Amino acid sequence: MRSPEALRGLVESYLGELALTPQLGGLAESMRYALLGGKRIRPVLCLATGEAAGAEVEAVLPAAAALEFVQAFSLVHDDLPALDDDAVRRGRPSTHVEFGEAVAVIAGDALLAEAFRLALAYPTPAVAGELAGATLGMIGGQYLDVTGQHGDRARLDRLKTGCLFDAAVGCALWVAEVPELEQGPWRAFGAELGPIFQLVDDILDGDGVVLSHGEEEARSLAEQATERALARLEAVEADTSVLAEIVAGLAVRTS
């Protein structure tokens, strides 16, 4: 089993060498700019799940990259003045600051389309179906956010953050050809990852649950979600040591 660091190295190499659709022409520069940086948490999780489920890591790379493309698309659009209006992303000017708003909108669109081009490269349509459902859920969560519908915070976070974590596990299971009836324990594990990530995000940013319930409660909830995720892994009949390492890293991250 490869370490999270080794898996991240594979993701970086794959993204760096991946040829984008030729018709995009000069737009590729802004797309690659949007992909720079980041911890690659979702693609690394996808690769680790796939390997644990019996797939060759190289076979999972297109699905993992597709997840990162969707994540990049969402960030490019979230940063736009019409939404979050963030001028900085990952320590650099946001894509719309660097290339202009019009190019950023189109680059985000192209990143999303490229994601589905990658997901549709598999013999089964289930990988693309998984990614589509997660992307729509994420967009639904963003709608709740921009329209100020924050009453059900858990639902908002589940959609906006949790869906792509679910898909990181789900896409890998389809690539590994795990029968749907046997996916339950894996998916129960995946459902705990979004809450861990979001709660730690809230603690780091002093936002979300921290504002409504306080930092101590947020930390307690994050610890509970981490414990649940690790417990879920125990029900999976596979070597899940790398996945447990990823969970531990999510729980203690500082950025």
C-alpha atoms as a PDB file:
ATOM      1  CA  MET A   1       0.000   0.000   0.000  1.00  0.00           C
ATOM      2  CA  ARG A   2       1.381   3.414  -0.954  1.00  0.00           C
ATOM      3  CA  SER A   3       1.582   6.262   1.525  1.00  0.00           C
ATOM      4  CA  PRO A   4      -0.550   9.414   1.160  1.00  0.00           C
ATOM      5  CA  GLU A   5       2.615  11.303   0.176  1.00  0.00           C
ATOM      6  CA  ALA A   6       3.410   8.804  -2.572  1.00  0.00           C
ATOM      7  CA  LEU A   7      -0.169   8.959  -3.842  1.00  0.00           C
ATOM      8  CA  ARG A   8      -0.075  12.735  -3.909  1.00  0.00           C
ATOM      9  CA  GLY A   9       3.113  12.541  -5.964  1.00  0.00           C
ATOM     10  CA  LEU A  10       1.307  10.339  -8.486  1.00  0.00           C
ATOM     11  CA  VAL A  11      -1.557  12.837  -8.677  1.00  0.00           C
ATOM     12  CA  GLU A  12       0.814  15.751  -9.254  1.00  0.00           C
ATOM     13  CA  SER A  13       2.673  13.894 -11.999  1.00  0.00           C
ATOM     14  CA  TYR A  14      -0.541  12.825 -13.694  1.00  0.00           C
ATOM     15  CA  LEU A  15      -2.037  16.319 -13.634  1.00  0.00           C
ATOM     16  CA  GLY A  16       1.203  17.820 -14.903  1.00  0.00           C
ATOM     17  CA  GLU A  17       1.418  15.446 -17.847  1.00  0.00           C
ATOM     18  CA  LEU A  18      -2.279  15.251 -18.704  1.00  0.00           C
ATOM     19  CA  ALA A  19      -3.082  16.614 -22.158  1.00  0.00           C
ATOM     20  CA  LEU A  20      -6.093  18.912 -22.241  1.00  0.00           C
ATOM     21  CA  THR A  21      -8.522  18.993 -25.160  1.00  0.00           C
ATOM     22  CA  PRO A  22      -6.685  20.678 -28.079  1.00  0.00           C
ATOM     23  CA  GLN A  23      -9.697  22.825 -29.039  1.00  0.00           C
ATOM     24  CA  LEU A  24      -9.267  24.793 -25.816  1.00  0.00           C
ATOM     25  CA  GLY A  25      -6.165  26.459 -27.189  1.00  0.00           C
ATOM     26  CA  GLY A  26      -4.815  29.236 -24.971  1.00  0.00           C
ATOM     27  CA  LEU A  27      -7.507  28.639 -22.357  1.00  0.00           C
ATOM     28  CA  ALA A  28      -5.381  25.739 -21.088  1.00  0.00           C
ATOM     29  CA  GLU A  29      -3.029  28.226 -19.406  1.00  0.00           C
ATOM     30  CA  SER A  30      -5.720  29.543 -17.067  1.00  0.00           C
ATOM     31  CA  MET A  31      -6.997  26.012 -16.404  1.00  0.00           C
ATOM     32  CA  ARG A  32      -3.572  24.768 -15.385  1.00  0.00           C
ATOM     33  CA  TYR A  33      -3.146  27.884 -13.253  1.00  0.00           C
ATOM     34  CA  ALA A  34      -6.365  27.021 -11.424  1.00  0.00           C
ATOM     35  CA  LEU A  35      -5.072  23.510 -10.757  1.00  0.00           C
ATOM     36  CA  LEU A  36      -1.822  24.667  -9.127  1.00  0.00           C
ATOM     37  CA  GLY A  37      -1.359  24.134  -5.410  1.00  0.00           C
ATOM     38  CA  GLY A  38      -3.759  22.482  -3.028  1.00  0.00           C
ATOM     39  CA  LYS A  39      -3.360  19.375  -0.916  1.00  0.00           C
ATOM     40  CA  ARG A  40      -5.029  17.001  -3.423  1.00  0.00           C
ATOM     41  CA  ILE A  41      -7.013  15.486  -0.551  1.00  0.00           C
ATOM     42  CA  ARG A  42      -9.878  14.184  -2.686  1.00  0.00           C
ATOM     43  CA  PRO A  43      -7.788  12.524  -5.422  1.00  0.00           C
ATOM     44  CA  VAL A  44      -5.431  11.005  -2.838  1.00  0.00           C
ATOM     45  CA  LEU A  45      -8.452   9.622  -0.985  1.00  0.00           C
ATOM     46  CA  CYS A  46      -9.759   8.216  -4.261  1.00  0.00           C
ATOM     47  CA  LEU A  47      -6.460   6.490  -5.039  1.00  0.00           C
ATOM     48  CA  ALA A  48      -6.126   5.093  -1.521  1.00  0.00           C
ATOM     49  CA  THR A  49      -9.674   3.744  -1.621  1.00  0.00           C
ATOM     50  CA  GLY A  50      -9.142   2.183  -5.010  1.00  0.00           C
ATOM     51  CA  GLU A  51      -5.920   0.496  -3.958  1.00  0.00           C
ATOM     52  CA  ALA A  52      -7.489  -0.788  -0.741  1.00  0.00           C
ATOM     53  CA  ALA A  53     -10.416  -2.166  -2.776  1.00  0.00           C
ATOM     54  CA  GLY A  54      -8.082  -4.062  -5.099  1.00  0.00           C
ATOM     55  CA  ALA A  55      -7.643  -1.770  -8.094  1.00  0.00           C
ATOM     56  CA  GLU A  56      -4.364  -0.778  -9.682  1.00  0.00           C
ATOM     57  CA  VAL A  57      -3.576   2.779  -8.644  1.00  0.00           C
ATOM     58  CA  GLU A  58      -2.819   3.755 -12.234  1.00  0.00           C
ATOM     59  CA  ALA A  59      -6.321   2.687 -13.244  1.00  0.00           C
ATOM     60  CA  VAL A  60      -7.838   5.023 -10.652  1.00  0.00           C
ATOM     61  CA  LEU A  61      -5.815   8.090 -11.697  1.00  0.00           C
ATOM     62  CA  PRO A  62      -8.310   9.421 -14.297  1.00  0.00           C
ATOM     63  CA  ALA A  63     -11.132   9.329 -11.737  1.00  0.00           C
ATOM     64  CA  ALA A  64      -8.909  10.957  -9.134  1.00  0.00           C
ATOM     65  CA  ALA A  65      -7.938  13.706 -11.568  1.00  0.00           C
ATOM     66  CA  ALA A  66     -11.587  14.228 -12.497  1.00  0.00           C
ATOM     67  CA  LEU A  67     -12.356  14.941  -8.837  1.00  0.00           C
ATOM     68  CA  GLU A  68      -9.579  17.523  -8.696  1.00  0.00           C
ATOM     69  CA  PHE A  69     -10.879  19.154 -11.888  1.00  0.00           C
ATOM     70  CA  VAL A  70     -14.333  19.489 -10.337  1.00  0.00           C
ATOM     71  CA  GLN A  71     -12.798  20.915  -7.173  1.00  0.00           C
ATOM     72  CA  ALA A  72     -10.798  23.439  -9.223  1.00  0.00           C
ATOM     73  CA  PHE A  73     -13.879  24.411 -11.222  1.00  0.00           C
ATOM     74  CA  SER A  74     -15.789  25.092  -8.024  1.00  0.00           C
ATOM     75  CA  LEU A  75     -13.010  27.241  -6.567  1.00  0.00           C
ATOM     76  CA  VAL A  76     -12.572  29.306  -9.738  1.00  0.00           C
ATOM     77  CA  HIS A  77     -16.278  30.111  -9.788  1.00  0.00           C
ATOM     78  CA  ASP A  78     -16.558  30.586  -6.007  1.00  0.00           C
ATOM     79  CA  ASP A  79     -13.821  33.220  -6.117  1.00  0.00           C
ATOM     80  CA  LEU A  80     -15.626  35.356  -8.699  1.00  0.00           C
ATOM     81  CA  PRO A  81     -16.893  38.806  -7.605  1.00  0.00           C
ATOM     82  CA  ALA A  82     -20.493  37.658  -8.064  1.00  0.00           C
ATOM     83  CA  LEU A  83     -20.006  34.942  -5.440  1.00  0.00           C
ATOM     84  CA  ASP A  84     -17.330  35.067  -2.714  1.00  0.00           C
ATOM     85  CA  ASP A  85     -15.235  37.793  -4.352  1.00  0.00           C
ATOM     86  CA  ASP A  86     -11.901  36.352  -3.195  1.00  0.00           C
ATOM     87  CA  ALA A  87      -8.804  37.916  -4.738  1.00  0.00           C
ATOM     88  CA  VAL A  88      -6.374  35.300  -3.388  1.00  0.00           C
ATOM     89  CA  ARG A  89      -6.452  31.536  -3.684  1.00  0.00           C
ATOM     90  CA  ARG A  90      -3.715  29.239  -2.379  1.00  0.00           C
ATOM     91  CA  GLY A  91      -1.366  32.153  -1.811  1.00  0.00           C
ATOM     92  CA  ARG A  92      -1.660  33.461  -5.373  1.00  0.00           C
ATOM     93  CA  PRO A  93      -4.036  35.788  -7.200  1.00  0.00           C
ATOM     94  CA  SER A  94      -7.334  34.051  -7.917  1.00  0.00           C
ATOM     95  CA  THR A  95      -7.896  32.950 -11.492  1.00  0.00           C
ATOM     96  CA  HIS A  96     -10.234  35.858 -12.256  1.00  0.00           C
ATOM     97  CA  VAL A  97      -7.673  38.342 -10.906  1.00  0.00           C
ATOM     98  CA  GLU A  98      -4.887  36.817 -12.990  1.00  0.00           C
ATOM     99  CA  PHE A  99      -6.802  36.277 -16.246  1.00  0.00           C
ATOM    100  CA  GLY A 100      -9.977  38.361 -15.980  1.00  0.00           C
ATOM    101  CA  GLU A 101     -13.517  37.415 -15.034  1.00  0.00           C
ATOM    102  CA  ALA A 102     -14.641  36.279 -18.489  1.00  0.00           C
ATOM    103  CA  VAL A 103     -11.711  33.890 -18.920  1.00  0.00           C
ATOM    104  CA  ALA A 104     -12.186  32.585 -15.366  1.00  0.00           C
ATOM    105  CA  VAL A 105     -15.823  31.721 -16.055  1.00  0.00           C
ATOM    106  CA  ILE A 106     -14.878  29.873 -19.242  1.00  0.00           C
ATOM    107  CA  ALA A 107     -11.908  28.157 -17.584  1.00  0.00           C
ATOM    108  CA  GLY A 108     -14.195  26.873 -14.843  1.00  0.00           C
ATOM    109  CA  ASP A 109     -16.625  25.564 -17.443  1.00  0.00           C
ATOM    110  CA  ALA A 110     -13.799  23.822 -19.279  1.00  0.00           C
ATOM    111  CA  LEU A 111     -12.435  22.254 -16.097  1.00  0.00           C
ATOM    112  CA  LEU A 112     -15.844  20.752 -15.421  1.00  0.00           C
ATOM    113  CA  ALA A 113     -16.153  19.406 -18.960  1.00  0.00           C
ATOM    114  CA  GLU A 114     -12.645  17.919 -18.807  1.00  0.00           C
ATOM    115  CA  ALA A 115     -13.576  16.216 -15.553  1.00  0.00           C
ATOM    116  CA  PHE A 116     -16.382  14.340 -17.258  1.00  0.00           C
ATOM    117  CA  ARG A 117     -14.213  13.532 -20.255  1.00  0.00           C
ATOM    118  CA  LEU A 118     -11.894  11.741 -17.841  1.00  0.00           C
ATOM    119  CA  ALA A 119     -14.697  10.026 -15.925  1.00  0.00           C
ATOM    120  CA  LEU A 120     -16.266   8.768 -19.151  1.00  0.00           C
ATOM    121  CA  ALA A 121     -13.043   7.039 -20.179  1.00  0.00           C
ATOM    122  CA  TYR A 122     -14.024   4.004 -18.087  1.00  0.00           C
ATOM    123  CA  PRO A 123     -16.009   1.071 -19.486  1.00  0.00           C
ATOM    124  CA  THR A 124     -18.716   1.645 -16.872  1.00  0.00           C
ATOM    125  CA  PRO A 125     -20.778   4.849 -16.847  1.00  0.00           C
ATOM    126  CA  ALA A 126     -21.031   4.540 -13.052  1.00  0.00           C
ATOM    127  CA  VAL A 127     -17.873   6.616 -12.483  1.00  0.00           C
ATOM    128  CA  ALA A 128     -19.286   9.562 -14.414  1.00  0.00           C
ATOM    129  CA  GLY A 129     -22.675   9.055 -12.787  1.00  0.00           C
ATOM    130  CA  GLU A 130     -21.101   9.191  -9.342  1.00  0.00           C
ATOM    131  CA  LEU A 131     -19.226  12.360 -10.238  1.00  0.00           C
ATOM    132  CA  ALA A 132     -22.315  13.993 -11.739  1.00  0.00           C
ATOM    133  CA  GLY A 133     -24.403  13.347  -8.640  1.00  0.00           C
ATOM    134  CA  ALA A 134     -21.690  14.760  -6.394  1.00  0.00           C
ATOM    135  CA  THR A 135     -21.188  17.824  -8.578  1.00  0.00           C
ATOM    136  CA  LEU A 136     -24.900  18.587  -8.611  1.00  0.00           C
ATOM    137  CA  GLY A 137     -25.047  18.171  -4.843  1.00  0.00           C
ATOM    138  CA  MET A 138     -22.100  20.534  -4.422  1.00  0.00           C
ATOM    139  CA  ILE A 139     -23.763  23.117  -6.667  1.00  0.00           C
ATOM    140  CA  GLY A 140     -26.990  22.746  -4.706  1.00  0.00           C
ATOM    141  CA  GLY A 141     -25.073  23.487  -1.531  1.00  0.00           C
ATOM    142  CA  GLN A 142     -23.490  26.529  -3.108  1.00  0.00           C
ATOM    143  CA  TYR A 143     -26.959  27.780  -4.042  1.00  0.00           C
ATOM    144  CA  LEU A 144     -28.077  27.488  -0.425  1.00  0.00           C
ATOM    145  CA  ASP A 145     -24.967  29.401   0.592  1.00  0.00           C
ATOM    146  CA  VAL A 146     -25.245  32.310  -1.857  1.00  0.00           C
ATOM    147  CA  THR A 147     -28.966  32.737  -1.170  1.00  0.00           C
ATOM    148  CA  GLY A 148     -28.370  32.866   2.578  1.00  0.00           C
ATOM    149  CA  GLN A 149     -30.276  29.675   3.376  1.00  0.00           C
ATOM    150  CA  HIS A 150     -28.072  28.717   6.311  1.00  0.00           C
ATOM    151  CA  GLY A 151     -30.804  27.441   8.627  1.00  0.00           C
ATOM    152  CA  ASP A 152     -29.883  23.791   8.168  1.00  0.00           C
ATOM    153  CA  ARG A 153     -26.109  24.134   8.378  1.00  0.00           C
ATOM    154  CA  ALA A 154     -25.528  20.387   8.427  1.00  0.00           C
ATOM    155  CA  ARG A 155     -27.396  19.967   5.127  1.00  0.00           C
ATOM    156  CA  LEU A 156     -25.548  22.871   3.514  1.00  0.00           C
ATOM    157  CA  ASP A 157     -22.167  21.452   4.518  1.00  0.00           C
ATOM    158  CA  ARG A 158     -23.212  17.952   3.529  1.00  0.00           C
ATOM    159  CA  LEU A 159     -23.967  19.168   0.009  1.00  0.00           C
ATOM    160  CA  LYS A 160     -21.291  21.783  -0.518  1.00  0.00           C
ATOM    161  CA  THR A 161     -18.416  19.881   1.091  1.00  0.00           C
ATOM    162  CA  GLY A 162     -19.442  16.300   1.723  1.00  0.00           C
ATOM    163  CA  CYS A 163     -20.573  15.288  -1.745  1.00  0.00           C
ATOM    164  CA  LEU A 164     -17.117  15.340  -3.334  1.00  0.00           C
ATOM    165  CA  PHE A 165     -15.677  13.338  -0.442  1.00  0.00           C
ATOM    166  CA  ASP A 166     -18.431  10.769  -0.947  1.00  0.00           C
ATOM    167  CA  ALA A 167     -17.569  10.666  -4.639  1.00  0.00           C
ATOM    168  CA  ALA A 168     -13.855  10.220  -3.937  1.00  0.00           C
ATOM    169  CA  VAL A 169     -14.750   6.919  -2.298  1.00  0.00           C
ATOM    170  CA  GLY A 170     -17.590   6.021  -4.668  1.00  0.00           C
ATOM    171  CA  CYS A 171     -15.679   6.594  -7.910  1.00  0.00           C
ATOM    172  CA  ALA A 172     -12.839   4.411  -6.649  1.00  0.00           C
ATOM    173  CA  LEU A 173     -15.254   1.613  -5.793  1.00  0.00           C
ATOM    174  CA  TRP A 174     -16.667   1.615  -9.313  1.00  0.00           C
ATOM    175  CA  VAL A 175     -13.179   1.567 -10.837  1.00  0.00           C
ATOM    176  CA  ALA A 176     -12.266  -1.334  -8.532  1.00  0.00           C
ATOM    177  CA  GLU A 177     -15.470  -3.109  -9.632  1.00  0.00           C
ATOM    178  CA  VAL A 178     -16.733  -3.540  -6.084  1.00  0.00           C
ATOM    179  CA  PRO A 179     -20.314  -4.851  -6.394  1.00  0.00           C
ATOM    180  CA  GLU A 180     -22.900  -2.297  -5.338  1.00  0.00           C
ATOM    181  CA  LEU A 181     -24.255  -4.598  -2.638  1.00  0.00           C
ATOM    182  CA  GLU A 182     -20.797  -4.717  -1.045  1.00  0.00           C
ATOM    183  CA  GLN A 183     -20.168  -0.981  -1.073  1.00  0.00           C
ATOM    184  CA  GLY A 184     -22.114  -0.134   2.092  1.00  0.00           C
ATOM    185  CA  PRO A 185     -19.245  -0.157   4.639  1.00  0.00           C
ATOM    186  CA  TRP A 186     -17.033   1.860   2.299  1.00  0.00           C
ATOM    187  CA  ARG A 187     -19.710   4.459   1.718  1.00  0.00           C
ATOM    188  CA  ALA A 188     -20.505   4.716   5.422  1.00  0.00           C
ATOM    189  CA  PHE A 189     -16.843   5.607   5.892  1.00  0.00           C
ATOM    190  CA  GLY A 190     -16.925   8.162   3.076  1.00  0.00           C
ATOM    191  CA  ALA A 191     -19.939   9.895   4.581  1.00  0.00           C
ATOM    192  CA  GLU A 192     -17.914  10.851   7.672  1.00  0.00           C
ATOM    193  CA  LEU A 193     -15.101  12.584   5.774  1.00  0.00           C
ATOM    194  CA  GLY A 194     -16.942  15.721   4.710  1.00  0.00           C
ATOM    195  CA  PRO A 195     -17.949  16.589   8.292  1.00  0.00           C
ATOM    196  CA  ILE A 196     -14.361  16.154   9.499  1.00  0.00           C
ATOM    197  CA  PHE A 197     -13.024  18.426   6.766  1.00  0.00           C
ATOM    198  CA  GLN A 198     -15.714  21.078   7.214  1.00  0.00           C
ATOM    199  CA  LEU A 199     -15.533  21.168  11.004  1.00  0.00           C
ATOM    200  CA  VAL A 200     -11.764  21.598  10.948  1.00  0.00           C
ATOM    201  CA  ASP A 201     -12.228  24.298   8.296  1.00  0.00           C
ATOM    202  CA  ASP A 202     -14.680  26.090  10.594  1.00  0.00           C
ATOM    203  CA  ILE A 203     -12.186  25.909  13.449  1.00  0.00           C
ATOM    204  CA  LEU A 204      -9.346  27.264  11.308  1.00  0.00           C
ATOM    205  CA  ASP A 205     -11.494  30.079   9.874  1.00  0.00           C
ATOM    206  CA  GLY A 206     -13.536  30.850  12.990  1.00  0.00           C
ATOM    207  CA  ASP A 207     -16.663  30.334  10.900  1.00  0.00           C
ATOM    208  CA  GLY A 208     -19.696  28.068  10.552  1.00  0.00           C
ATOM    209  CA  VAL A 209     -20.201  25.872  13.602  1.00  0.00           C
ATOM    210  CA  VAL A 210     -17.676  27.926  15.574  1.00  0.00           C
ATOM    211  CA  LEU A 211     -19.885  31.006  15.227  1.00  0.00           C
ATOM    212  CA  SER A 212     -23.057  29.163  16.198  1.00  0.00           C
ATOM    213  CA  HIS A 213     -21.780  26.734  18.843  1.00  0.00           C
ATOM    214  CA  GLY A 214     -18.283  27.860  19.823  1.00  0.00           C
ATOM    215  CA  GLU A 215     -14.839  26.451  19.134  1.00  0.00           C
ATOM    216  CA  GLU A 216     -14.920  23.880  21.940  1.00  0.00           C
ATOM    217  CA  GLU A 217     -18.115  22.330  20.579  1.00  0.00           C
ATOM    218  CA  ALA A 218     -16.717  22.365  17.038  1.00  0.00           C
ATOM    219  CA  ARG A 219     -13.603  20.519  18.197  1.00  0.00           C
ATOM    220  CA  SER A 220     -15.725  17.968  20.017  1.00  0.00           C
ATOM    221  CA  LEU A 221     -17.842  17.370  16.923  1.00  0.00           C
ATOM    222  CA  ALA A 222     -14.728  16.993  14.770  1.00  0.00           C
ATOM    223  CA  GLU A 223     -13.298  14.429  17.196  1.00  0.00           C
ATOM    224  CA  GLN A 224     -16.573  12.502  17.153  1.00  0.00           C
ATOM    225  CA  ALA A 225     -16.657  12.467  13.348  1.00  0.00           C
ATOM    226  CA  THR A 226     -13.059  11.251  13.272  1.00  0.00           C
ATOM    227  CA  GLU A 227     -13.849   8.447  15.698  1.00  0.00           C
ATOM    228  CA  ARG A 228     -16.863   7.439  13.614  1.00  0.00           C
ATOM    229  CA  ALA A 229     -14.809   7.383  10.420  1.00  0.00           C
ATOM    230  CA  LEU A 230     -12.155   5.163  11.962  1.00  0.00           C
ATOM    231  CA  ALA A 231     -14.847   2.884  13.365  1.00  0.00           C
ATOM    232  CA  ARG A 232     -16.425   2.610   9.924  1.00  0.00           C
ATOM    233  CA  LEU A 233     -13.082   1.512   8.497  1.00  0.00           C
ATOM    234  CA  GLU A 234     -13.012  -1.413  10.894  1.00  0.00           C
ATOM    235  CA  ALA A 235     -16.077  -2.811   9.134  1.00  0.00           C
ATOM    236  CA  VAL A 236     -14.285  -2.790   5.773  1.00  0.00           C
ATOM    237  CA  GLU A 237     -12.693  -6.110   4.897  1.00  0.00           C
ATOM    238  CA  ALA A 238      -9.474  -4.734   3.422  1.00  0.00           C
ATOM    239  CA  ASP A 239      -6.183  -3.144   4.399  1.00  0.00           C
ATOM    240  CA  THR A 240      -7.391   0.351   5.265  1.00  0.00           C
ATOM    241  CA  SER A 241      -4.259   1.556   7.067  1.00  0.00           C
ATOM    242  CA  VAL A 242      -3.571   4.289   4.496  1.00  0.00           C
ATOM    243  CA  LEU A 243      -7.159   5.483   4.678  1.00  0.00           C
ATOM    244  CA  ALA A 244      -6.857   5.662   8.466  1.00  0.00           C
ATOM    245  CA  GLU A 245      -3.712   7.754   8.004  1.00  0.00           C
ATOM    246  CA  ILE A 246      -5.613  10.124   5.710  1.00  0.00           C
ATOM    247  CA  VAL A 247      -8.391  10.488   8.287  1.00  0.00           C
ATOM    248  CA  ALA A 248      -5.848  11.309  10.987  1.00  0.00           C
ATOM    249  CA  GLY A 249      -4.311  13.939   8.713  1.00  0.00           C
ATOM    250  CA  LEU A 250      -7.685  15.548   8.031  1.00  0.00           C
ATOM    251  CA  ALA A 251      -8.402  15.804  11.731  1.00  0.00           C
ATOM    252  CA  VAL A 252      -5.160  17.610  12.647  1.00  0.00           C
ATOM    253  CA  ARG A 253      -4.540  19.775   9.580  1.00  0.00           C
ATOM    254  CA  THR A 254      -3.594  23.366  10.221  1.00  0.00           C
ATOM    255  CA  SER A 255      -4.396  24.937   6.848  1.00  0.00           C
END
